[in-house]
Amino acid sequence: MTDIYFILKKLRFGRIDAMVESQMVDNYLWKKIGENEEHLIAGPAIGDAKYIYLAANLNFPENLTEKIRKAMIKVRKNGRLEKILNSWQ
């Protein structure tokens, strides 16, 4: 069993509050571990990208949140995000 399955199990049993992944991947993995997709709650999309989500617990550092936000703006502006998203289609 890989690390992602341990993370999903921890999420399912309340050991962690959230994880960051695309909704498509989350749904696939959630089903793969035998869980009902209806029990998986996705956070809001970040900007125009349809499948990029970020969720964290209440103690997540605000400075790190800001760094992530700025990085997302940068990769959107320079076209890198579009290239990444297109590579998955």
N, C-alpha and C. Protein backbone atom coordinates (compact mmCIF):
# COMPACT_ATOMS: atom_id res chain seq x y z
N MET A 1 0.85 -1.17 0.00
CA MET A 1 0.00 0.00 0.00
C MET A 1 0.90 1.24 0.00
N THR A 2 0.58 2.20 -0.87
CA THR A 2 1.42 3.40 -0.98
C THR A 2 1.01 4.46 0.04
N ASP A 3 1.82 5.50 0.14
CA ASP A 3 1.57 6.58 1.09
C ASP A 3 0.20 7.23 0.89
N ILE A 4 -0.22 7.37 -0.38
CA ILE A 4 -1.50 8.04 -0.63
C ILE A 4 -2.66 7.27 0.00
N TYR A 5 -2.58 5.97 0.03
CA TYR A 5 -3.65 5.18 0.65
C TYR A 5 -3.67 5.37 2.17
N PHE A 6 -2.50 5.49 2.76
CA PHE A 6 -2.44 5.77 4.20
C PHE A 6 -3.02 7.15 4.49
N ILE A 7 -2.71 8.12 3.63
CA ILE A 7 -3.25 9.47 3.79
C ILE A 7 -4.77 9.45 3.67
N LEU A 8 -5.28 8.73 2.67
CA LEU A 8 -6.73 8.64 2.50
C LEU A 8 -7.40 7.98 3.70
N LYS A 9 -6.81 6.95 4.21
CA LYS A 9 -7.37 6.28 5.39
C LYS A 9 -7.36 7.23 6.59
N LYS A 10 -6.28 7.98 6.75
CA LYS A 10 -6.20 8.94 7.84
C LYS A 10 -7.28 10.01 7.68
N LEU A 11 -7.49 10.45 6.45
CA LEU A 11 -8.54 11.42 6.17
C LEU A 11 -9.91 10.85 6.53
N ARG A 12 -10.15 9.64 6.11
CA ARG A 12 -11.44 8.99 6.35
C ARG A 12 -11.75 8.84 7.84
N PHE A 13 -10.73 8.55 8.63
CA PHE A 13 -10.94 8.32 10.06
C PHE A 13 -10.63 9.53 10.94
N GLY A 14 -10.50 10.71 10.29
CA GLY A 14 -10.35 11.95 11.05
C GLY A 14 -8.98 12.20 11.65
N ARG A 15 -7.97 11.46 11.20
CA ARG A 15 -6.60 11.67 11.71
C ARG A 15 -5.97 12.91 11.09
N ILE A 16 -6.40 13.28 9.86
CA ILE A 16 -6.01 14.54 9.23
C ILE A 16 -7.29 15.21 8.76
N ASP A 17 -7.22 16.52 8.56
CA ASP A 17 -8.42 17.28 8.20
C ASP A 17 -8.64 17.41 6.69
N ALA A 18 -7.55 17.43 5.94
CA ALA A 18 -7.70 17.71 4.51
C ALA A 18 -6.48 17.22 3.75
N MET A 19 -6.63 17.16 2.43
CA MET A 19 -5.51 16.85 1.55
C MET A 19 -5.70 17.64 0.26
N VAL A 20 -4.62 17.87 -0.47
CA VAL A 20 -4.66 18.62 -1.72
C VAL A 20 -4.45 17.64 -2.86
N GLU A 21 -5.39 17.63 -3.78
CA GLU A 21 -5.30 16.73 -4.94
C GLU A 21 -6.36 17.18 -5.93
N SER A 22 -6.27 16.73 -7.15
CA SER A 22 -7.33 17.06 -8.11
C SER A 22 -8.58 16.26 -7.75
N GLN A 23 -9.72 16.82 -8.07
CA GLN A 23 -10.98 16.16 -7.74
C GLN A 23 -11.10 14.81 -8.44
N MET A 24 -10.63 14.74 -9.68
CA MET A 24 -10.69 13.47 -10.41
C MET A 24 -9.88 12.39 -9.72
N VAL A 25 -8.68 12.75 -9.28
CA VAL A 25 -7.81 11.80 -8.60
C VAL A 25 -8.41 11.41 -7.26
N ASP A 26 -8.90 12.40 -6.53
CA ASP A 26 -9.54 12.11 -5.24
C ASP A 26 -10.68 11.11 -5.39
N ASN A 27 -11.56 11.37 -6.32
CA ASN A 27 -12.71 10.49 -6.53
C ASN A 27 -12.27 9.07 -6.87
N TYR A 28 -11.30 8.95 -7.75
CA TYR A 28 -10.78 7.64 -8.15
C TYR A 28 -10.19 6.89 -6.95
N LEU A 29 -9.31 7.58 -6.21
CA LEU A 29 -8.65 6.93 -5.08
C LEU A 29 -9.64 6.61 -3.96
N TRP A 30 -10.59 7.49 -3.74
CA TRP A 30 -11.59 7.28 -2.69
C TRP A 30 -12.37 6.01 -2.96
N LYS A 31 -12.77 5.83 -4.22
CA LYS A 31 -13.49 4.60 -4.60
C LYS A 31 -12.58 3.38 -4.46
N LYS A 32 -11.31 3.57 -4.83
CA LYS A 32 -10.37 2.45 -4.81
C LYS A 32 -10.15 1.91 -3.40
N ILE A 33 -10.26 2.76 -2.38
CA ILE A 33 -10.11 2.26 -1.02
C ILE A 33 -11.44 1.80 -0.44
N GLY A 34 -12.47 1.78 -1.30
CA GLY A 34 -13.76 1.23 -0.88
C GLY A 34 -14.69 2.21 -0.19
N GLU A 35 -14.43 3.49 -0.34
CA GLU A 35 -15.27 4.50 0.29
C GLU A 35 -16.32 5.04 -0.69
N ASN A 36 -17.41 5.52 -0.13
CA ASN A 36 -18.48 6.11 -0.92
C ASN A 36 -18.08 7.53 -1.31
N GLU A 37 -18.13 7.82 -2.59
CA GLU A 37 -17.74 9.13 -3.12
C GLU A 37 -18.56 10.27 -2.50
N GLU A 38 -19.77 9.97 -2.05
CA GLU A 38 -20.62 10.99 -1.44
C GLU A 38 -20.06 11.50 -0.12
N HIS A 39 -19.16 10.75 0.50
CA HIS A 39 -18.56 11.17 1.76
C HIS A 39 -17.33 12.06 1.57
N LEU A 40 -16.93 12.26 0.33
CA LEU A 40 -15.75 13.07 0.03
C LEU A 40 -16.22 14.49 -0.30
N ILE A 41 -15.69 15.47 0.40
CA ILE A 41 -16.09 16.86 0.19
C ILE A 41 -14.94 17.61 -0.46
N ALA A 42 -15.21 18.18 -1.63
CA ALA A 42 -14.19 18.94 -2.35
C ALA A 42 -14.29 20.42 -1.99
N GLY A 43 -13.15 21.05 -1.87
CA GLY A 43 -13.12 22.49 -1.61
C GLY A 43 -13.36 23.27 -2.88
N PRO A 44 -13.40 24.58 -2.78
CA PRO A 44 -13.64 25.41 -3.96
C PRO A 44 -12.44 25.40 -4.90
N ALA A 45 -12.72 25.61 -6.18
CA ALA A 45 -11.65 25.68 -7.18
C ALA A 45 -10.81 26.93 -6.94
N ILE A 46 -9.56 26.86 -7.30
CA ILE A 46 -8.67 28.02 -7.20
C ILE A 46 -8.63 28.67 -8.57
N GLY A 47 -9.22 29.84 -8.71
CA GLY A 47 -9.21 30.56 -9.98
C GLY A 47 -9.98 29.83 -11.06
N ASP A 48 -9.47 29.91 -12.29
CA ASP A 48 -10.15 29.34 -13.45
C ASP A 48 -9.90 27.85 -13.62
N ALA A 49 -8.87 27.33 -13.00
CA ALA A 49 -8.58 25.90 -13.13
C ALA A 49 -9.71 25.11 -12.49
N LYS A 50 -10.15 24.09 -13.18
CA LYS A 50 -11.30 23.32 -12.70
C LYS A 50 -10.94 22.24 -11.70
N TYR A 51 -9.71 21.75 -11.72
CA TYR A 51 -9.38 20.60 -10.90
C TYR A 51 -8.18 20.81 -9.99
N ILE A 52 -7.98 22.03 -9.53
CA ILE A 52 -6.92 22.29 -8.58
C ILE A 52 -7.56 22.79 -7.30
N TYR A 53 -7.32 22.08 -6.22
CA TYR A 53 -7.94 22.40 -4.94
C TYR A 53 -6.88 22.48 -3.87
N LEU A 54 -7.13 23.31 -2.89
CA LEU A 54 -6.24 23.39 -1.75
C LEU A 54 -7.10 23.48 -0.50
N ALA A 55 -6.86 22.61 0.41
CA ALA A 55 -7.57 22.63 1.69
C ALA A 55 -6.55 22.38 2.78
N ALA A 56 -6.80 22.97 3.94
CA ALA A 56 -5.88 22.80 5.05
C ALA A 56 -6.63 22.96 6.36
N ASN A 57 -5.98 22.57 7.45
CA ASN A 57 -6.65 22.75 8.74
C ASN A 57 -6.55 24.20 9.18
N LEU A 58 -7.22 24.54 10.25
CA LEU A 58 -7.29 25.93 10.71
C LEU A 58 -5.94 26.48 11.15
N ASN A 59 -4.98 25.63 11.46
CA ASN A 59 -3.67 26.07 11.91
C ASN A 59 -2.65 26.22 10.78
N PHE A 60 -3.09 26.09 9.54
CA PHE A 60 -2.20 26.21 8.39
C PHE A 60 -1.62 27.63 8.38
N PRO A 61 -0.30 27.78 8.25
CA PRO A 61 0.33 29.11 8.33
C PRO A 61 -0.13 30.05 7.21
N GLU A 62 -0.52 31.24 7.60
CA GLU A 62 -1.00 32.23 6.62
C GLU A 62 0.09 32.62 5.63
N ASN A 63 1.34 32.69 6.09
CA ASN A 63 2.42 33.05 5.18
C ASN A 63 2.60 31.99 4.09
N LEU A 64 2.39 30.73 4.42
CA LEU A 64 2.50 29.67 3.43
C LEU A 64 1.32 29.74 2.46
N THR A 65 0.15 30.07 2.97
CA THR A 65 -1.02 30.27 2.11
C THR A 65 -0.73 31.36 1.09
N GLU A 66 -0.14 32.44 1.52
CA GLU A 66 0.18 33.54 0.63
C GLU A 66 1.23 33.14 -0.41
N LYS A 67 2.23 32.37 0.00
CA LYS A 67 3.24 31.89 -0.95
C LYS A 67 2.61 31.02 -2.03
N ILE A 68 1.70 30.15 -1.63
CA ILE A 68 1.02 29.27 -2.58
C ILE A 68 0.18 30.10 -3.54
N ARG A 69 -0.55 31.08 -3.00
CA ARG A 69 -1.39 31.94 -3.83
C ARG A 69 -0.54 32.68 -4.87
N LYS A 70 0.59 33.24 -4.44
CA LYS A 70 1.47 33.96 -5.37
C LYS A 70 2.08 33.03 -6.41
N ALA A 71 2.43 31.82 -6.00
CA ALA A 71 2.98 30.84 -6.95
C ALA A 71 1.94 30.48 -8.00
N MET A 72 0.69 30.32 -7.58
CA MET A 72 -0.38 30.00 -8.54
C MET A 72 -0.57 31.14 -9.54
N ILE A 73 -0.52 32.36 -9.06
CA ILE A 73 -0.63 33.52 -9.96
C ILE A 73 0.51 33.50 -10.97
N LYS A 74 1.71 33.23 -10.50
CA LYS A 74 2.89 33.21 -11.37
C LYS A 74 2.78 32.14 -12.45
N VAL A 75 2.41 30.91 -12.07
CA VAL A 75 2.34 29.85 -13.08
C VAL A 75 1.17 30.06 -14.03
N ARG A 76 0.13 30.74 -13.58
CA ARG A 76 -0.96 31.09 -14.50
C ARG A 76 -0.49 32.10 -15.53
N LYS A 77 0.19 33.14 -15.04
CA LYS A 77 0.64 34.22 -15.94
C LYS A 77 1.68 33.74 -16.95
N ASN A 78 2.59 32.87 -16.53
CA ASN A 78 3.65 32.46 -17.45
C ASN A 78 3.26 31.27 -18.34
N GLY A 79 2.02 30.79 -18.19
CA GLY A 79 1.52 29.73 -19.05
C GLY A 79 1.83 28.32 -18.58
N ARG A 80 2.58 28.19 -17.52
CA ARG A 80 2.97 26.86 -17.03
C ARG A 80 1.76 26.05 -16.56
N LEU A 81 0.82 26.69 -15.87
CA LEU A 81 -0.36 25.97 -15.39
C LEU A 81 -1.16 25.39 -16.55
N GLU A 82 -1.35 26.17 -17.59
CA GLU A 82 -2.09 25.68 -18.76
C GLU A 82 -1.40 24.47 -19.38
N LYS A 83 -0.07 24.51 -19.46
CA LYS A 83 0.68 23.38 -20.01
C LYS A 83 0.49 22.13 -19.14
N ILE A 84 0.54 22.32 -17.83
CA ILE A 84 0.38 21.19 -16.92
C ILE A 84 -1.02 20.61 -17.07
N LEU A 85 -2.03 21.47 -17.05
CA LEU A 85 -3.41 20.98 -17.17
C LEU A 85 -3.65 20.30 -18.51
N ASN A 86 -3.10 20.86 -19.58
CA ASN A 86 -3.28 20.24 -20.89
C ASN A 86 -2.60 18.89 -21.00
N SER A 87 -1.53 18.69 -20.25
CA SER A 87 -0.83 17.41 -20.31
C SER A 87 -1.67 16.28 -19.71
N TRP A 88 -2.69 16.61 -18.93
CA TRP A 88 -3.55 15.60 -18.29
C TRP A 88 -4.82 15.33 -19.09
N GLN A 89 -5.00 15.99 -20.20
CA GLN A 89 -6.22 15.79 -20.99
C GLN A 89 -6.03 14.78 -22.07
